[in-house]
Amino acid sequence: MNEEELKALQKDMRKKKRIASEWASQLHDLVEDRLPAGYQEIPAIAQATFDACKAWEEANNKLVEAEGS
């Protein structure tokens, strides 16, 4: 894998990490500020947070694999 491809993987991983952090922040805000009244928001925000974290994990694993080879 060349340097340019490795940088693209790093950029993708950082982007997905930022998105996961943003969803985690929304989940935190829900817990801290809007519960119990906003309990109906839990499933959608939790699923979006889970999906974003999973996407980050996959991107991170690709990066780690590429760096190791």
N, C-alpha and C. Protein backbone atom coordinates (compact mmCIF):
# COMPACT_ATOMS: atom_id res chain seq x y z
N MET A 1 0.86 -1.17 0.00
CA MET A 1 0.00 0.00 0.00
C MET A 1 0.90 1.23 0.00
N ASN A 2 0.60 2.17 -0.88
CA ASN A 2 1.45 3.35 -0.96
C ASN A 2 1.02 4.40 0.07
N GLU A 3 1.84 5.42 0.19
CA GLU A 3 1.63 6.45 1.20
C GLU A 3 0.30 7.19 1.01
N GLU A 4 -0.05 7.43 -0.23
CA GLU A 4 -1.30 8.14 -0.53
C GLU A 4 -2.53 7.33 -0.09
N GLU A 5 -2.50 6.04 -0.34
CA GLU A 5 -3.61 5.17 0.09
C GLU A 5 -3.70 5.09 1.60
N LEU A 6 -2.56 5.05 2.25
CA LEU A 6 -2.52 5.01 3.71
C LEU A 6 -3.08 6.31 4.30
N LYS A 7 -2.73 7.44 3.71
CA LYS A 7 -3.26 8.72 4.17
C LYS A 7 -4.78 8.78 3.97
N ALA A 8 -5.27 8.21 2.88
CA ALA A 8 -6.71 8.18 2.64
C ALA A 8 -7.43 7.35 3.71
N LEU A 9 -6.82 6.23 4.10
CA LEU A 9 -7.41 5.41 5.17
C LEU A 9 -7.40 6.16 6.50
N GLN A 10 -6.32 6.87 6.77
CA GLN A 10 -6.23 7.66 8.01
C GLN A 10 -7.30 8.75 8.02
N LYS A 11 -7.47 9.41 6.90
CA LYS A 11 -8.47 10.47 6.81
C LYS A 11 -9.87 9.91 7.01
N ASP A 12 -10.15 8.77 6.39
CA ASP A 12 -11.46 8.13 6.53
C ASP A 12 -11.72 7.73 7.98
N MET A 13 -10.70 7.15 8.63
CA MET A 13 -10.85 6.74 10.03
C MET A 13 -11.11 7.96 10.92
N ARG A 14 -10.36 9.05 10.71
CA ARG A 14 -10.56 10.26 11.52
C ARG A 14 -11.95 10.85 11.31
N LYS A 15 -12.43 10.84 10.08
CA LYS A 15 -13.77 11.35 9.79
C LYS A 15 -14.83 10.52 10.51
N LYS A 16 -14.69 9.21 10.44
CA LYS A 16 -15.67 8.34 11.09
C LYS A 16 -15.59 8.43 12.60
N LYS A 17 -14.40 8.67 13.12
CA LYS A 17 -14.25 8.86 14.57
C LYS A 17 -14.96 10.14 15.00
N ARG A 18 -14.81 11.20 14.21
CA ARG A 18 -15.47 12.47 14.52
C ARG A 18 -17.00 12.30 14.50
N ILE A 19 -17.50 11.60 13.50
CA ILE A 19 -18.95 11.37 13.40
C ILE A 19 -19.43 10.56 14.60
N ALA A 20 -18.70 9.52 14.97
CA ALA A 20 -19.08 8.70 16.13
C ALA A 20 -19.08 9.56 17.40
N SER A 21 -18.11 10.44 17.53
CA SER A 21 -18.04 11.32 18.70
C SER A 21 -19.22 12.28 18.74
N GLU A 22 -19.62 12.77 17.57
CA GLU A 22 -20.77 13.67 17.51
C GLU A 22 -22.05 12.95 17.94
N TRP A 23 -22.24 11.72 17.49
CA TRP A 23 -23.42 10.95 17.91
C TRP A 23 -23.36 10.64 19.40
N ALA A 24 -22.18 10.31 19.89
CA ALA A 24 -22.03 10.05 21.33
C ALA A 24 -22.38 11.30 22.13
N SER A 25 -22.02 12.45 21.62
CA SER A 25 -22.35 13.71 22.28
C SER A 25 -23.86 13.93 22.31
N GLN A 26 -24.52 13.60 21.21
CA GLN A 26 -25.98 13.74 21.18
C GLN A 26 -26.64 12.79 22.18
N LEU A 27 -26.10 11.58 22.28
CA LEU A 27 -26.63 10.62 23.25
C LEU A 27 -26.42 11.14 24.67
N HIS A 28 -25.26 11.69 24.92
CA HIS A 28 -24.96 12.27 26.24
C HIS A 28 -25.91 13.41 26.56
N ASP A 29 -26.12 14.30 25.58
CA ASP A 29 -27.04 15.42 25.79
C ASP A 29 -28.45 14.94 26.09
N LEU A 30 -28.87 13.89 25.40
CA LEU A 30 -30.19 13.33 25.65
C LEU A 30 -30.29 12.87 27.11
N VAL A 31 -29.29 12.13 27.55
CA VAL A 31 -29.30 11.61 28.92
C VAL A 31 -29.25 12.74 29.94
N GLU A 32 -28.39 13.70 29.71
CA GLU A 32 -28.18 14.78 30.67
C GLU A 32 -29.32 15.81 30.68
N ASP A 33 -29.89 16.10 29.52
CA ASP A 33 -30.78 17.25 29.43
C ASP A 33 -32.25 16.93 29.15
N ARG A 34 -32.52 15.84 28.46
CA ARG A 34 -33.89 15.67 27.99
C ARG A 34 -34.62 14.45 28.56
N LEU A 35 -33.96 13.64 29.36
CA LEU A 35 -34.66 12.51 29.97
C LEU A 35 -35.26 12.95 31.29
N PRO A 36 -36.35 12.41 31.72
CA PRO A 36 -37.07 11.31 31.12
C PRO A 36 -38.04 11.71 30.00
N ALA A 37 -38.30 13.00 29.84
CA ALA A 37 -39.31 13.42 28.86
C ALA A 37 -38.95 12.99 27.43
N GLY A 38 -37.69 12.95 27.10
CA GLY A 38 -37.29 12.62 25.73
C GLY A 38 -36.97 11.16 25.51
N TYR A 39 -37.52 10.29 26.33
CA TYR A 39 -37.18 8.86 26.25
C TYR A 39 -37.45 8.25 24.88
N GLN A 40 -38.39 8.81 24.12
CA GLN A 40 -38.71 8.24 22.81
C GLN A 40 -37.57 8.43 21.81
N GLU A 41 -36.67 9.34 22.10
CA GLU A 41 -35.51 9.58 21.23
C GLU A 41 -34.42 8.53 21.41
N ILE A 42 -34.46 7.78 22.49
CA ILE A 42 -33.38 6.85 22.82
C ILE A 42 -33.09 5.86 21.69
N PRO A 43 -34.07 5.13 21.16
CA PRO A 43 -33.73 4.12 20.15
C PRO A 43 -33.03 4.69 18.91
N ALA A 44 -33.53 5.79 18.37
CA ALA A 44 -32.94 6.34 17.15
C ALA A 44 -31.52 6.85 17.39
N ILE A 45 -31.33 7.57 18.48
CA ILE A 45 -29.99 8.12 18.75
C ILE A 45 -29.02 7.01 19.12
N ALA A 46 -29.49 6.04 19.89
CA ALA A 46 -28.63 4.92 20.27
C ALA A 46 -28.22 4.12 19.04
N GLN A 47 -29.14 3.87 18.12
CA GLN A 47 -28.82 3.10 16.92
C GLN A 47 -27.85 3.87 16.03
N ALA A 48 -28.08 5.16 15.87
CA ALA A 48 -27.17 5.98 15.06
C ALA A 48 -25.77 6.01 15.68
N THR A 49 -25.70 6.09 17.00
CA THR A 49 -24.41 6.08 17.69
C THR A 49 -23.72 4.75 17.50
N PHE A 50 -24.46 3.66 17.65
CA PHE A 50 -23.91 2.32 17.45
C PHE A 50 -23.38 2.17 16.03
N ASP A 51 -24.17 2.58 15.04
CA ASP A 51 -23.77 2.45 13.64
C ASP A 51 -22.51 3.27 13.35
N ALA A 52 -22.44 4.47 13.89
CA ALA A 52 -21.27 5.33 13.68
C ALA A 52 -20.03 4.72 14.33
N CYS A 53 -20.19 4.15 15.51
CA CYS A 53 -19.06 3.52 16.19
C CYS A 53 -18.60 2.27 15.43
N LYS A 54 -19.54 1.53 14.90
CA LYS A 54 -19.22 0.34 14.11
C LYS A 54 -18.46 0.74 12.84
N ALA A 55 -18.90 1.82 12.18
CA ALA A 55 -18.21 2.30 10.98
C ALA A 55 -16.79 2.74 11.32
N TRP A 56 -16.62 3.41 12.46
CA TRP A 56 -15.27 3.80 12.90
C TRP A 56 -14.41 2.57 13.14
N GLU A 57 -14.97 1.57 13.82
CA GLU A 57 -14.22 0.35 14.11
C GLU A 57 -13.73 -0.32 12.83
N GLU A 58 -14.60 -0.40 11.84
CA GLU A 58 -14.22 -1.02 10.57
C GLU A 58 -13.12 -0.23 9.88
N ALA A 59 -13.24 1.10 9.87
CA ALA A 59 -12.22 1.95 9.26
C ALA A 59 -10.90 1.84 10.02
N ASN A 60 -10.98 1.80 11.34
CA ASN A 60 -9.78 1.68 12.15
C ASN A 60 -9.10 0.33 11.92
N ASN A 61 -9.88 -0.73 11.84
CA ASN A 61 -9.31 -2.05 11.58
C ASN A 61 -8.61 -2.10 10.22
N LYS A 62 -9.21 -1.47 9.21
CA LYS A 62 -8.58 -1.40 7.89
C LYS A 62 -7.24 -0.67 7.98
N LEU A 63 -7.23 0.43 8.71
CA LEU A 63 -6.01 1.22 8.86
C LEU A 63 -4.93 0.41 9.59
N VAL A 64 -5.30 -0.21 10.68
CA VAL A 64 -4.33 -1.01 11.45
C VAL A 64 -3.76 -2.13 10.57
N GLU A 65 -4.63 -2.78 9.82
CA GLU A 65 -4.19 -3.85 8.92
C GLU A 65 -3.23 -3.31 7.87
N ALA A 66 -3.56 -2.17 7.29
CA ALA A 66 -2.72 -1.57 6.25
C ALA A 66 -1.37 -1.14 6.82
N GLU A 67 -1.38 -0.61 8.04
CA GLU A 67 -0.13 -0.17 8.65
C GLU A 67 0.75 -1.35 9.03
N GLY A 68 0.12 -2.48 9.30
CA GLY A 68 0.87 -3.66 9.68
C GLY A 68 1.49 -4.41 8.51
N SER A 69 0.98 -4.15 7.33
CA SER A 69 1.52 -4.88 6.17
C SER A 69 2.55 -4.09 5.42
